[in-house]
Structure formats: C-alpha cells, structure tokens
Protein backbone atom coordinates (compact mmCIF):
# COMPACT_ATOMS: atom_id res chain seq x y z
CA UNK A 1 0.00 0.00 0.00
CA UNK A 2 1.33 3.41 -0.97
CA UNK A 3 2.11 5.95 1.69
CA UNK A 4 -0.21 8.93 1.79
CA UNK A 5 0.91 12.56 1.98
CA UNK A 6 0.80 14.44 5.28
CA UNK A 7 -1.52 17.45 5.18
CA UNK A 8 -0.50 20.76 6.77
CA UNK A 9 -2.55 23.92 7.14
CA UNK A 10 -0.86 27.31 7.14
CA UNK A 11 -2.43 30.68 7.89
CA UNK A 12 0.08 33.21 6.62
CA UNK A 13 -0.02 36.94 7.18
CA UNK A 14 2.34 38.34 4.55
CA UNK A 15 3.98 41.75 4.48
CA UNK A 16 6.14 42.14 1.36
CA UNK A 17 7.95 45.46 1.66
CA UNK A 18 9.78 44.82 -1.63
CA UNK A 19 6.57 44.77 -3.68
CA UNK A 20 4.31 46.81 -1.36
CA UNK A 21 2.08 43.74 -1.18
CA UNK A 22 0.11 42.79 1.93
CA UNK A 23 -2.18 39.78 2.11
CA UNK A 24 -3.35 36.80 4.16
CA UNK A 25 -3.44 33.25 2.90
CA UNK A 26 -4.98 30.00 4.10
CA UNK A 27 -2.86 27.28 2.53
CA UNK A 28 -3.32 23.53 2.60
CA UNK A 29 -0.09 21.78 1.70
CA UNK A 30 0.40 18.08 1.07
CA UNK A 31 3.85 16.84 2.06
CA UNK A 32 4.80 13.93 -0.19
CA UNK A 33 6.07 10.89 1.79
CA UNK A 34 9.55 11.33 0.23
CA UNK A 35 9.68 15.09 0.89
CA UNK A 36 11.55 16.29 3.97
CA UNK A 37 10.42 19.18 6.19
CA UNK A 38 13.09 21.52 4.82
CA UNK A 39 11.91 21.11 1.23
CA UNK A 40 8.29 21.67 2.22
CA UNK A 41 9.20 24.87 4.07
CA UNK A 42 11.32 26.01 1.10
CA UNK A 43 8.12 25.62 -0.98
CA UNK A 44 6.26 27.78 1.53
CA UNK A 45 9.02 30.40 1.34
CA UNK A 46 8.93 30.32 -2.49
CA UNK A 47 5.19 30.91 -2.25
CA UNK A 48 5.71 33.91 0.05
CA UNK A 49 8.34 35.42 -2.24
CA UNK A 50 5.94 35.27 -5.22
CA UNK A 51 2.62 35.48 -3.40
CA UNK A 52 -0.59 36.31 -5.19
CA UNK A 53 -4.11 35.00 -4.89
CA UNK A 54 -3.66 33.13 -8.21
CA UNK A 55 -0.39 31.33 -7.30
CA UNK A 56 -1.03 27.63 -6.64
CA UNK A 57 0.81 24.64 -5.25
CA UNK A 58 0.82 21.74 -7.73
CA UNK A 59 1.09 18.00 -7.21
CA UNK A 60 4.82 18.64 -6.73
CA UNK A 61 6.86 15.47 -6.27
CA UNK A 62 3.81 13.42 -7.26
CA UNK A 63 4.03 14.71 -10.85
CA UNK A 64 7.32 15.20 -12.70
CA UNK A 65 5.50 17.20 -15.39
CA UNK A 66 4.57 20.02 -13.02
CA UNK A 67 6.61 22.55 -11.03
CA UNK A 68 6.22 22.99 -7.28
CA UNK A 69 4.15 26.14 -7.78
CA UNK A 70 2.60 27.82 -10.75
CA UNK A 71 0.48 30.72 -11.78
CA UNK A 72 -1.84 30.08 -14.69
CA UNK A 73 -3.81 32.52 -16.82
CA UNK A 74 -7.56 32.24 -17.33
CA UNK A 75 -6.92 30.38 -20.61
CA UNK A 76 -4.74 27.82 -18.74
CA UNK A 77 -1.39 29.14 -19.99
CA UNK A 78 1.46 28.89 -17.46
CA UNK A 79 2.45 32.44 -16.54
CA UNK A 80 4.95 31.50 -13.84
CA UNK A 81 6.79 28.21 -13.21
CA UNK A 82 8.50 27.84 -9.82
CA UNK A 83 10.73 24.89 -8.91
CA UNK A 84 12.26 24.27 -5.48
CA UNK A 85 15.49 22.33 -5.11
CA UNK A 86 18.27 21.68 -7.58
CA UNK A 87 16.61 20.75 -10.87
CA UNK A 88 18.44 19.46 -13.91
CA UNK A 89 19.20 22.20 -16.50
CA UNK A 90 17.14 20.28 -19.08
CA UNK A 91 14.07 20.54 -16.83
CA UNK A 92 14.59 24.30 -16.52
CA UNK A 93 15.10 24.59 -20.30
CA UNK A 94 11.78 22.79 -20.86
CA UNK A 95 10.10 25.09 -18.33
CA UNK A 96 11.31 28.18 -20.23
CA UNK A 97 9.47 26.88 -23.29
CA UNK A 98 6.26 26.28 -21.31
CA UNK A 99 6.14 29.44 -19.19
CA UNK A 100 6.70 33.17 -19.53
CA UNK A 101 8.58 33.30 -16.21
CA UNK A 102 10.72 30.57 -14.61
CA UNK A 103 12.15 30.72 -11.11
CA UNK A 104 14.24 28.18 -9.21
CA UNK A 105 14.78 28.31 -5.44
CA UNK A 106 17.75 26.24 -4.33
CA UNK A 107 18.14 25.73 -0.60
CA UNK A 108 20.12 22.77 0.67
CA UNK A 109 23.74 22.06 1.55
CA UNK A 110 24.43 20.79 -1.99
CA UNK A 111 23.30 24.06 -3.54
CA UNK A 112 26.80 25.49 -4.03
CA UNK A 113 28.06 22.36 -5.80
CA UNK A 114 24.91 22.17 -7.97
CA UNK A 115 25.27 25.82 -8.98
CA UNK A 116 28.99 25.56 -9.79
CA UNK A 117 28.36 22.47 -11.95
CA UNK A 118 25.41 23.96 -13.83
CA UNK A 119 25.74 27.76 -13.95
CA UNK A 120 27.15 27.69 -17.49
CA UNK A 121 24.11 25.76 -18.73
CA UNK A 122 21.68 28.04 -16.86
CA UNK A 123 23.40 31.14 -18.26
CA UNK A 124 21.74 30.50 -21.64
CA UNK A 125 18.27 30.19 -20.12
CA UNK A 126 15.80 32.92 -19.24
CA UNK A 127 15.34 31.79 -15.64
CA UNK A 128 15.80 33.40 -12.26
CA UNK A 129 17.90 31.27 -9.90
CA UNK A 130 17.81 32.11 -6.18
CA UNK A 131 19.64 30.43 -3.31
CA UNK A 132 17.77 30.42 0.00
CA UNK A 133 19.91 30.33 3.14
CA UNK A 134 19.91 26.69 4.26
CA UNK A 135 20.30 27.50 7.98
CA UNK A 136 17.18 29.69 7.84
CA UNK A 137 15.20 26.95 6.08
CA UNK A 138 16.37 24.49 8.77
CA UNK A 139 15.14 26.86 11.49
CA UNK A 140 11.82 27.34 9.71
CA UNK A 141 11.44 23.54 9.41
CA UNK A 142 11.89 23.37 13.19
CA UNK A 143 8.66 25.38 13.59
CA UNK A 144 6.44 22.82 11.84
CA UNK A 145 3.09 21.93 13.32
CA UNK A 146 0.13 20.39 11.51
CA UNK A 147 -1.72 23.71 11.77
CA UNK A 148 0.36 26.87 11.85
CA UNK A 149 -0.10 30.62 12.02
CA UNK A 150 2.85 32.41 10.45
CA UNK A 151 3.67 36.07 10.08
CA UNK A 152 6.13 36.66 7.23
CA UNK A 153 7.77 39.99 6.49
CA UNK A 154 9.94 40.33 3.39
CA UNK A 155 12.35 43.23 3.12
CA UNK A 156 15.48 43.44 1.00
CA UNK A 157 16.94 39.94 0.81
CA UNK A 158 15.53 38.82 4.17
CA UNK A 159 12.37 37.14 5.34
CA UNK A 160 11.45 37.39 9.00
CA UNK A 161 9.19 34.48 9.93
CA UNK A 162 7.31 34.32 13.22
CA UNK A 163 5.11 31.53 14.56
CA UNK A 164 3.31 31.44 17.90
CA UNK A 165 6.41 30.03 19.59
CA UNK A 166 9.48 30.72 17.43
CA UNK A 167 11.00 33.08 14.91
CA UNK A 168 13.75 32.94 12.32
CA UNK A 169 15.31 34.89 9.49
CA UNK A 170 15.81 33.48 6.02
CA UNK A 171 18.11 35.32 3.65
CA UNK A 172 18.63 34.68 -0.04
CA UNK A 173 20.93 35.63 -2.87
CA UNK A 174 20.14 35.99 -6.55
CA UNK A 175 22.45 33.70 -8.53
CA UNK A 176 20.90 34.60 -11.90
CA UNK A 177 18.31 37.20 -12.86
CA UNK A 178 15.69 36.85 -15.61
CA UNK A 179 16.68 38.47 -18.88
C-alpha cells in the first residue's frame, strides 16, 4: 500500500515590503512521503516570495511534469513556473518553453556544488535562480506543526518568519536574474 501525503494547514499573514504587497493566505499543503520538512518549508518560502491570490501549489513530487508552484492565466497558460530544489538544467530549459517566467529556489547544503556544476548551462536560459539560506530553512522547518499561524515579512533579501512560539530569518541571494 502506498504511503499517503501528510496534510498541513498554514495561515500566513504576509507583508512584502519589496513589492508593497500585503495579504493573508490559508494554505493547505500536502507533504509527499519522500519530501523532507526543509523542502516543504522552502516551498512555503517560495510561495511567500511570489505570493498572489492566483499562485497555486501543484502536485509537486507526485508529478514530474509540473513545477512545485505555478500561476496560470484564465486560458490555462502557465504564466509562472517555480521549482524548489536543484533541478536538472534540461528541466529548466523545458520550463522556459512552457512558461513566460521561470524561477528556481535552491536551498540545501548541496546548492553550491549544484550551482557551480550547472551555472554555465543556466546562463543561456531565461530563468531566475535564487539560493535560500539553508540555515534559515532548517530553522523554519523546526517550527512545523500540523496547523500553523505564520507572520512573514519580506524586506530586501531577508524574510522574517514568526510563529506562535518561534522566529527565524531566512536570507537569499540571486544567482541569476531573468533576462
């Protein structure tokens, strides 16, 4: 019998000083059995960095044909493709053909090696590559509860995340900008 995903509920109060965007979200996120807490929280952070009412979580690890998040137009065209992790350059190349905007959020301890091995291949692609601070993602993963209230403030290259019991800061650096 296949393992079932674990369901988490997030209530996020977002203050994005970079975009002058303020909103609240009620998110239901399915954590795939093979997905660790850090990757799930990196998905939540990617959502916060690109938040809009139209941005959606996809089937994620359950479907290799979909990104982790996407924003689709009313005629079902992919406006924004967002992957979390260290995808193969061929996957990102395919995404640039399917979507107007492609973003990748790398976050783990292998991120530096992955970037050094692939930056030449990504240089030809119209994709934004961002590295999230792994220590911050680890701290955010330490906050996990099945139902969570989070306050997230984005300013500059920092996210300040507060739960009922803990807080952390996640920084990021842009490795490659969109053309």
